N, C-alpha and C. Protein backbone atom coordinates (compact mmCIF):
# COMPACT_ATOMS: atom_id res chain seq x y z
N MET A 1 -10.04 10.64 7.16
CA MET A 1 -8.89 10.26 7.70
C MET A 1 -8.50 8.83 7.20
N GLY A 2 -7.19 8.81 6.86
CA GLY A 2 -6.62 7.61 6.34
C GLY A 2 -6.08 6.77 7.56
N GLN A 3 -5.70 5.45 7.19
CA GLN A 3 -5.19 4.68 8.17
C GLN A 3 -4.19 3.67 7.37
N ILE A 4 -3.49 2.86 8.30
CA ILE A 4 -2.57 1.86 7.76
C ILE A 4 -2.93 0.63 8.41
N LEU A 5 -3.31 -0.22 7.39
CA LEU A 5 -3.87 -1.65 7.56
C LEU A 5 -2.68 -2.42 7.70
N SER A 6 -2.64 -3.57 8.50
CA SER A 6 -1.64 -4.38 8.76
C SER A 6 -2.02 -5.96 8.64
N ARG A 7 -1.08 -6.68 7.99
CA ARG A 7 -1.33 -8.10 7.89
C ARG A 7 0.05 -8.80 8.15
N ARG A 8 -0.10 -9.78 9.11
CA ARG A 8 1.19 -10.50 9.23
C ARG A 8 0.98 -11.92 8.79
N ASP A 9 1.99 -12.32 8.00
CA ASP A 9 2.13 -13.73 7.52
C ASP A 9 3.51 -14.14 7.92
N ASP A 10 3.47 -15.08 9.07
CA ASP A 10 4.77 -15.55 9.72
C ASP A 10 5.61 -14.46 10.04
N ALA A 11 6.77 -14.40 9.36
CA ALA A 11 7.84 -13.34 9.92
C ALA A 11 7.67 -11.98 9.06
N VAL A 12 6.71 -11.86 8.20
CA VAL A 12 6.45 -10.73 7.26
C VAL A 12 5.38 -9.97 7.69
N LEU A 13 5.63 -8.70 7.92
CA LEU A 13 4.63 -7.68 8.06
C LEU A 13 4.24 -6.90 7.01
N THR A 14 2.92 -6.88 6.53
CA THR A 14 2.71 -6.04 5.37
C THR A 14 1.92 -4.94 5.89
N LEU A 15 2.17 -3.58 5.54
CA LEU A 15 1.64 -2.44 5.96
C LEU A 15 1.05 -1.70 4.73
N GLU A 16 -0.40 -1.57 4.78
CA GLU A 16 -1.04 -1.03 3.58
C GLU A 16 -1.43 0.46 3.85
N LEU A 17 -1.16 1.30 3.03
CA LEU A 17 -1.59 2.64 3.22
C LEU A 17 -2.99 2.69 2.56
N SER A 18 -3.84 3.34 3.38
CA SER A 18 -5.34 3.23 2.94
C SER A 18 -6.05 4.64 3.32
N ASN A 19 -6.35 5.39 2.23
CA ASN A 19 -7.00 6.64 2.37
C ASN A 19 -7.85 6.68 1.26
N PRO A 20 -8.83 5.94 1.21
CA PRO A 20 -9.77 5.92 0.03
C PRO A 20 -10.37 7.21 -0.31
N GLY A 21 -10.41 7.45 -1.57
CA GLY A 21 -10.90 8.78 -2.28
C GLY A 21 -9.93 9.89 -2.24
N LYS A 22 -8.65 9.58 -1.74
CA LYS A 22 -7.64 10.61 -1.62
C LYS A 22 -6.45 10.07 -2.17
N ALA A 23 -6.54 8.95 -2.98
CA ALA A 23 -5.50 8.30 -3.65
C ALA A 23 -4.26 8.02 -2.50
N ASN A 24 -4.62 7.51 -1.29
CA ASN A 24 -3.71 7.10 -0.18
C ASN A 24 -2.87 8.24 0.21
N ALA A 25 -3.34 9.55 0.08
CA ALA A 25 -2.60 10.72 0.50
C ALA A 25 -2.26 10.45 2.07
N LEU A 26 -0.97 10.89 2.36
CA LEU A 26 -0.62 10.89 3.77
C LEU A 26 -1.17 11.79 4.60
N ASP A 27 -1.74 11.61 5.71
CA ASP A 27 -2.15 12.65 6.68
C ASP A 27 -1.65 12.26 8.02
N PHE A 28 -1.93 13.13 8.98
CA PHE A 28 -1.24 13.04 10.25
C PHE A 28 -1.61 11.72 11.04
N ALA A 29 -2.82 11.20 10.76
CA ALA A 29 -3.27 9.92 11.46
C ALA A 29 -2.34 8.89 10.81
N MET A 30 -2.10 8.80 9.62
CA MET A 30 -1.30 7.81 8.97
C MET A 30 0.14 7.83 9.30
N LEU A 31 0.71 9.02 9.41
CA LEU A 31 1.98 9.07 9.93
C LEU A 31 2.16 8.72 11.46
N ALA A 32 1.21 9.05 12.25
CA ALA A 32 1.00 8.49 13.58
C ALA A 32 1.02 7.05 13.69
N ALA A 33 0.20 6.49 12.85
CA ALA A 33 0.13 4.96 12.83
C ALA A 33 1.48 4.32 12.37
N LEU A 34 1.97 4.99 11.30
CA LEU A 34 3.30 4.36 10.82
C LEU A 34 4.26 4.53 11.93
N ASP A 35 4.44 5.57 12.76
CA ASP A 35 5.31 5.64 13.84
C ASP A 35 5.07 4.58 14.95
N GLU A 36 3.88 4.28 15.17
CA GLU A 36 3.63 3.23 16.13
C GLU A 36 3.89 1.81 15.62
N TYR A 37 3.82 1.54 14.34
CA TYR A 37 4.24 0.23 13.85
C TYR A 37 5.84 0.27 13.86
N ILE A 38 6.41 1.41 13.65
CA ILE A 38 7.92 1.26 13.83
C ILE A 38 8.38 1.07 15.07
N ALA A 39 7.75 1.53 15.94
CA ALA A 39 8.04 0.99 17.47
C ALA A 39 7.78 -0.39 17.63
N GLN A 40 6.76 -0.91 17.19
CA GLN A 40 6.35 -2.32 17.41
C GLN A 40 7.45 -3.22 16.56
N ILE A 41 7.82 -2.69 15.59
CA ILE A 41 8.77 -3.63 14.72
C ILE A 41 10.00 -3.57 15.28
N ASP A 42 10.51 -2.55 15.86
CA ASP A 42 11.84 -2.35 16.64
C ASP A 42 11.89 -3.50 17.74
N HIS A 43 10.80 -3.80 18.43
CA HIS A 43 10.75 -4.56 19.53
C HIS A 43 10.31 -5.99 19.31
N ASP A 44 10.18 -6.39 18.07
CA ASP A 44 9.75 -7.81 17.62
C ASP A 44 10.93 -8.36 16.81
N ASP A 45 11.56 -9.23 17.51
CA ASP A 45 12.99 -9.79 16.91
C ASP A 45 12.28 -10.92 16.01
N THR A 46 11.05 -11.34 15.97
CA THR A 46 10.57 -12.40 15.16
C THR A 46 10.17 -11.97 13.69
N LEU A 47 10.16 -10.63 13.43
CA LEU A 47 9.81 -10.25 12.23
C LEU A 47 11.21 -10.14 11.49
N ARG A 48 10.92 -10.63 10.10
CA ARG A 48 12.24 -10.75 9.33
C ARG A 48 12.17 -9.62 8.13
N ALA A 49 11.00 -9.13 7.86
CA ALA A 49 10.68 -8.15 6.61
C ALA A 49 9.53 -7.50 6.74
N VAL A 50 9.54 -6.20 6.26
CA VAL A 50 8.30 -5.43 6.28
C VAL A 50 8.01 -5.01 4.76
N VAL A 51 6.79 -5.16 4.26
CA VAL A 51 6.23 -4.77 2.99
C VAL A 51 5.46 -3.70 3.11
N LEU A 52 5.65 -2.55 2.49
CA LEU A 52 4.89 -1.26 2.51
C LEU A 52 4.21 -1.21 1.12
N ARG A 53 2.86 -1.03 1.12
CA ARG A 53 2.26 -1.05 -0.08
C ARG A 53 1.06 -0.13 -0.04
N GLY A 54 0.43 0.39 -1.18
CA GLY A 54 -0.71 1.08 -1.23
C GLY A 54 -1.86 0.01 -1.43
N THR A 55 -3.04 0.38 -1.82
CA THR A 55 -4.14 -0.54 -2.00
C THR A 55 -3.68 -1.49 -3.27
N ALA A 56 -3.93 -2.73 -2.95
CA ALA A 56 -3.52 -3.78 -3.94
C ALA A 56 -4.13 -3.56 -5.31
N GLY A 57 -3.27 -3.52 -6.25
CA GLY A 57 -3.52 -3.25 -7.74
C GLY A 57 -3.89 -1.77 -8.01
N GLY A 58 -3.55 -0.94 -6.93
CA GLY A 58 -3.98 0.48 -7.16
C GLY A 58 -2.98 1.41 -6.75
N VAL A 59 -3.22 2.67 -6.23
CA VAL A 59 -2.39 3.60 -5.90
C VAL A 59 -1.53 3.25 -4.63
N PHE A 60 -0.13 3.60 -4.76
CA PHE A 60 0.83 3.53 -3.53
C PHE A 60 0.35 4.76 -2.72
N SER A 61 0.72 6.01 -3.08
CA SER A 61 0.35 7.12 -2.25
C SER A 61 0.59 8.41 -3.40
N SER A 62 -0.40 9.28 -3.21
CA SER A 62 -0.18 10.44 -4.07
C SER A 62 0.42 11.69 -3.28
N GLY A 63 1.17 11.22 -2.09
CA GLY A 63 1.91 12.16 -1.27
C GLY A 63 1.13 12.72 -0.12
N ALA A 64 1.33 14.06 0.25
CA ALA A 64 0.81 14.57 1.37
C ALA A 64 -0.74 14.83 1.22
N ASP A 65 -1.60 14.79 2.02
CA ASP A 65 -2.99 15.35 1.95
C ASP A 65 -2.85 16.79 2.33
N ILE A 66 -2.84 17.60 1.33
CA ILE A 66 -2.60 19.05 1.52
C ILE A 66 -3.75 19.72 2.31
N ARG A 67 -4.88 19.23 2.52
CA ARG A 67 -5.99 19.71 3.43
C ARG A 67 -5.55 19.59 4.90
N GLU A 68 -4.72 18.64 5.09
CA GLU A 68 -4.26 18.35 6.55
C GLU A 68 -3.35 19.58 6.91
N TRP A 69 -2.60 20.18 5.94
CA TRP A 69 -1.52 21.12 6.44
C TRP A 69 -1.74 22.49 5.75
N SER A 70 -2.85 22.54 4.98
CA SER A 70 -3.08 23.87 4.44
C SER A 70 -3.40 24.98 5.36
N ALA A 71 -4.00 24.60 6.55
CA ALA A 71 -4.52 25.74 7.46
C ALA A 71 -3.38 25.92 8.49
N LEU A 72 -2.36 25.25 8.31
CA LEU A 72 -1.21 25.63 9.36
C LEU A 72 -0.43 26.67 9.10
N ASP A 73 -0.03 27.44 9.99
CA ASP A 73 0.82 28.55 9.86
C ASP A 73 2.21 28.17 9.50
N PRO A 74 3.11 28.94 8.84
CA PRO A 74 4.40 28.43 8.28
C PRO A 74 5.23 27.77 9.41
N LYS A 75 5.27 28.23 10.52
CA LYS A 75 6.03 27.77 11.70
C LYS A 75 5.42 26.31 11.89
N ALA A 76 4.04 26.19 12.22
CA ALA A 76 3.61 24.86 12.51
C ALA A 76 3.75 23.93 11.26
N PHE A 77 3.72 24.39 10.25
CA PHE A 77 3.89 23.53 8.99
C PHE A 77 5.30 23.00 8.75
N ALA A 78 6.20 23.96 9.25
CA ALA A 78 7.65 23.39 9.36
C ALA A 78 7.98 22.43 10.42
N THR A 79 7.45 22.66 11.46
CA THR A 79 7.81 21.76 12.71
C THR A 79 6.82 20.40 12.67
N GLU A 80 5.52 20.73 12.57
CA GLU A 80 4.49 19.61 12.72
C GLU A 80 4.47 18.54 11.51
N TRP A 81 4.33 19.38 10.32
CA TRP A 81 4.23 18.51 9.10
C TRP A 81 5.68 18.03 8.63
N ILE A 82 6.41 18.83 8.26
CA ILE A 82 7.75 18.67 7.59
C ILE A 82 8.65 18.11 8.61
N GLY A 83 8.99 18.58 9.79
CA GLY A 83 9.93 18.12 10.96
C GLY A 83 9.39 16.67 11.37
N GLU A 84 8.27 16.58 11.85
CA GLU A 84 7.67 15.37 12.49
C GLU A 84 7.68 14.29 11.53
N GLY A 85 7.06 14.82 10.26
CA GLY A 85 7.03 13.83 9.08
C GLY A 85 8.35 13.12 8.63
N ASN A 86 9.27 13.98 8.49
CA ASN A 86 10.63 13.42 8.17
C ASN A 86 11.18 12.73 9.16
N ALA A 87 11.04 12.98 10.53
CA ALA A 87 11.50 12.15 11.67
C ALA A 87 10.77 10.68 11.52
N VAL A 88 9.55 10.72 11.18
CA VAL A 88 8.89 9.25 11.09
C VAL A 88 9.62 8.58 9.84
N PHE A 89 9.80 9.33 8.82
CA PHE A 89 10.45 8.65 7.49
C PHE A 89 11.85 8.06 8.06
N ARG A 90 12.55 9.01 8.65
CA ARG A 90 13.90 8.52 8.93
C ARG A 90 13.86 7.31 9.91
N ARG A 91 12.94 7.17 10.83
CA ARG A 91 12.82 6.01 11.77
C ARG A 91 12.48 4.89 10.83
N PHE A 92 11.58 5.00 9.84
CA PHE A 92 11.30 3.95 9.01
C PHE A 92 12.39 3.34 8.34
N GLU A 93 13.13 4.36 7.82
CA GLU A 93 14.35 3.97 7.04
C GLU A 93 15.56 3.16 7.77
N ARG A 94 15.52 3.38 9.17
CA ARG A 94 16.45 2.83 9.94
C ARG A 94 16.01 1.51 10.52
N LEU A 95 14.76 0.93 10.03
CA LEU A 95 14.38 -0.20 10.74
C LEU A 95 15.39 -1.25 10.54
N ARG A 96 15.45 -2.21 11.59
CA ARG A 96 16.54 -3.30 11.77
C ARG A 96 16.25 -4.50 10.70
N CYS A 97 15.10 -4.66 10.05
CA CYS A 97 14.75 -5.60 9.24
C CYS A 97 14.54 -4.90 7.76
N PRO A 98 14.81 -5.79 6.84
CA PRO A 98 14.58 -5.25 5.35
C PRO A 98 13.08 -4.80 5.15
N THR A 99 13.10 -3.64 4.36
CA THR A 99 11.70 -3.14 4.03
C THR A 99 11.64 -3.23 2.39
N VAL A 100 10.50 -3.37 1.93
CA VAL A 100 10.14 -3.45 0.63
C VAL A 100 8.77 -2.66 0.19
N ALA A 101 9.00 -1.74 -0.67
CA ALA A 101 7.95 -0.95 -1.11
C ALA A 101 7.39 -1.61 -2.32
N VAL A 102 6.21 -1.97 -2.38
CA VAL A 102 5.39 -2.60 -3.58
C VAL A 102 4.56 -1.51 -4.21
N ILE A 103 5.02 -1.00 -5.41
CA ILE A 103 4.46 0.17 -6.03
C ILE A 103 3.76 -0.25 -7.28
N GLU A 104 2.45 -0.05 -7.22
CA GLU A 104 1.51 -0.33 -8.35
C GLU A 104 0.56 0.73 -8.62
N GLY A 105 0.95 1.69 -9.48
CA GLY A 105 0.17 2.88 -9.92
C GLY A 105 0.92 4.00 -9.33
N LEU A 106 0.07 5.17 -8.94
CA LEU A 106 0.67 6.41 -8.60
C LEU A 106 1.52 6.34 -7.46
N CYS A 107 2.70 6.94 -7.40
CA CYS A 107 3.58 7.18 -6.37
C CYS A 107 4.25 8.57 -6.42
N PHE A 108 3.48 9.57 -5.80
CA PHE A 108 4.12 10.97 -6.05
C PHE A 108 4.53 11.66 -4.74
N GLY A 109 5.37 12.59 -4.89
CA GLY A 109 5.62 13.43 -3.79
C GLY A 109 5.96 12.72 -2.50
N GLY A 110 5.38 13.00 -1.40
CA GLY A 110 5.69 12.33 -0.05
C GLY A 110 5.61 10.78 -0.16
N GLY A 111 4.70 10.29 -0.97
CA GLY A 111 4.66 8.89 -1.16
C GLY A 111 5.84 8.34 -1.87
N LEU A 112 6.38 9.05 -2.72
CA LEU A 112 7.69 8.52 -3.24
C LEU A 112 8.82 8.67 -2.34
N GLU A 113 8.77 9.74 -1.47
CA GLU A 113 9.73 9.84 -0.41
C GLU A 113 9.69 8.80 0.58
N LEU A 114 8.51 8.30 0.96
CA LEU A 114 8.32 7.13 1.74
C LEU A 114 8.86 5.89 1.23
N ALA A 115 8.51 5.80 -0.20
CA ALA A 115 9.01 4.38 -0.78
C ALA A 115 10.53 4.38 -0.98
N LEU A 116 11.24 5.68 -1.14
CA LEU A 116 12.53 5.78 -1.13
C LEU A 116 13.24 5.46 0.03
N CYS A 117 12.44 5.42 1.38
CA CYS A 117 13.00 5.07 2.62
C CYS A 117 13.15 3.58 2.61
N CYS A 118 12.53 2.74 1.77
CA CYS A 118 12.54 1.27 2.02
C CYS A 118 13.81 0.81 1.26
N ASP A 119 14.38 -0.36 1.66
CA ASP A 119 15.33 -0.90 1.21
C ASP A 119 15.54 -1.41 -0.27
N LEU A 120 14.17 -1.67 -0.71
CA LEU A 120 14.00 -2.15 -2.01
C LEU A 120 12.71 -1.74 -2.39
N ARG A 121 12.56 -1.36 -3.73
CA ARG A 121 11.42 -0.92 -4.32
C ARG A 121 11.04 -1.87 -5.68
N LEU A 122 9.81 -2.35 -5.57
CA LEU A 122 9.28 -3.11 -6.62
C LEU A 122 8.25 -2.41 -7.35
N ALA A 123 8.40 -2.07 -8.43
CA ALA A 123 7.33 -1.30 -9.16
C ALA A 123 6.70 -2.07 -10.35
N GLY A 124 5.36 -2.12 -10.35
CA GLY A 124 4.73 -2.82 -11.37
C GLY A 124 4.66 -2.07 -12.66
N THR A 125 4.12 -2.63 -13.80
CA THR A 125 4.25 -2.04 -14.89
C THR A 125 3.48 -0.73 -15.10
N GLY A 126 2.35 -0.56 -14.23
CA GLY A 126 1.61 0.61 -14.21
C GLY A 126 1.86 1.65 -13.29
N ALA A 127 3.14 1.42 -12.70
CA ALA A 127 3.70 2.36 -11.65
C ALA A 127 4.05 3.80 -12.29
N ARG A 128 3.61 4.68 -11.69
CA ARG A 128 4.03 6.12 -12.06
C ARG A 128 4.84 6.86 -10.80
N LEU A 129 6.01 7.07 -11.06
CA LEU A 129 6.74 7.91 -9.87
C LEU A 129 7.03 9.28 -10.33
N ARG A 130 6.80 10.17 -9.43
CA ARG A 130 7.22 11.56 -9.58
C ARG A 130 7.44 12.12 -8.27
């Protein structure tokens, strides 16, 4: 199960996607954690920016953790994974403060979708977006 690690430096909150061994693939737990951070950010007027990144110097995200949704029937997949996941991404996209995706390495599928929800994307020389 992945997680989202956070670090705050003054008015900047850094959220780090962390799902070791799975190239930071997004799973249900990570989407729920991201949604919780969104709610906190919306209520914290002292935050001036949010930085979203993968593991420093490594992968941003390989997209969805297909093992999470491979057992879902089509209706559950559409509502739980696609519907709820897209709703979280839309809430992230509408955050009141600027958001920056720092992309170093792999950024595929749903990981790229999440990066595109940010206001600004900074890609390192080793970034691979698909």
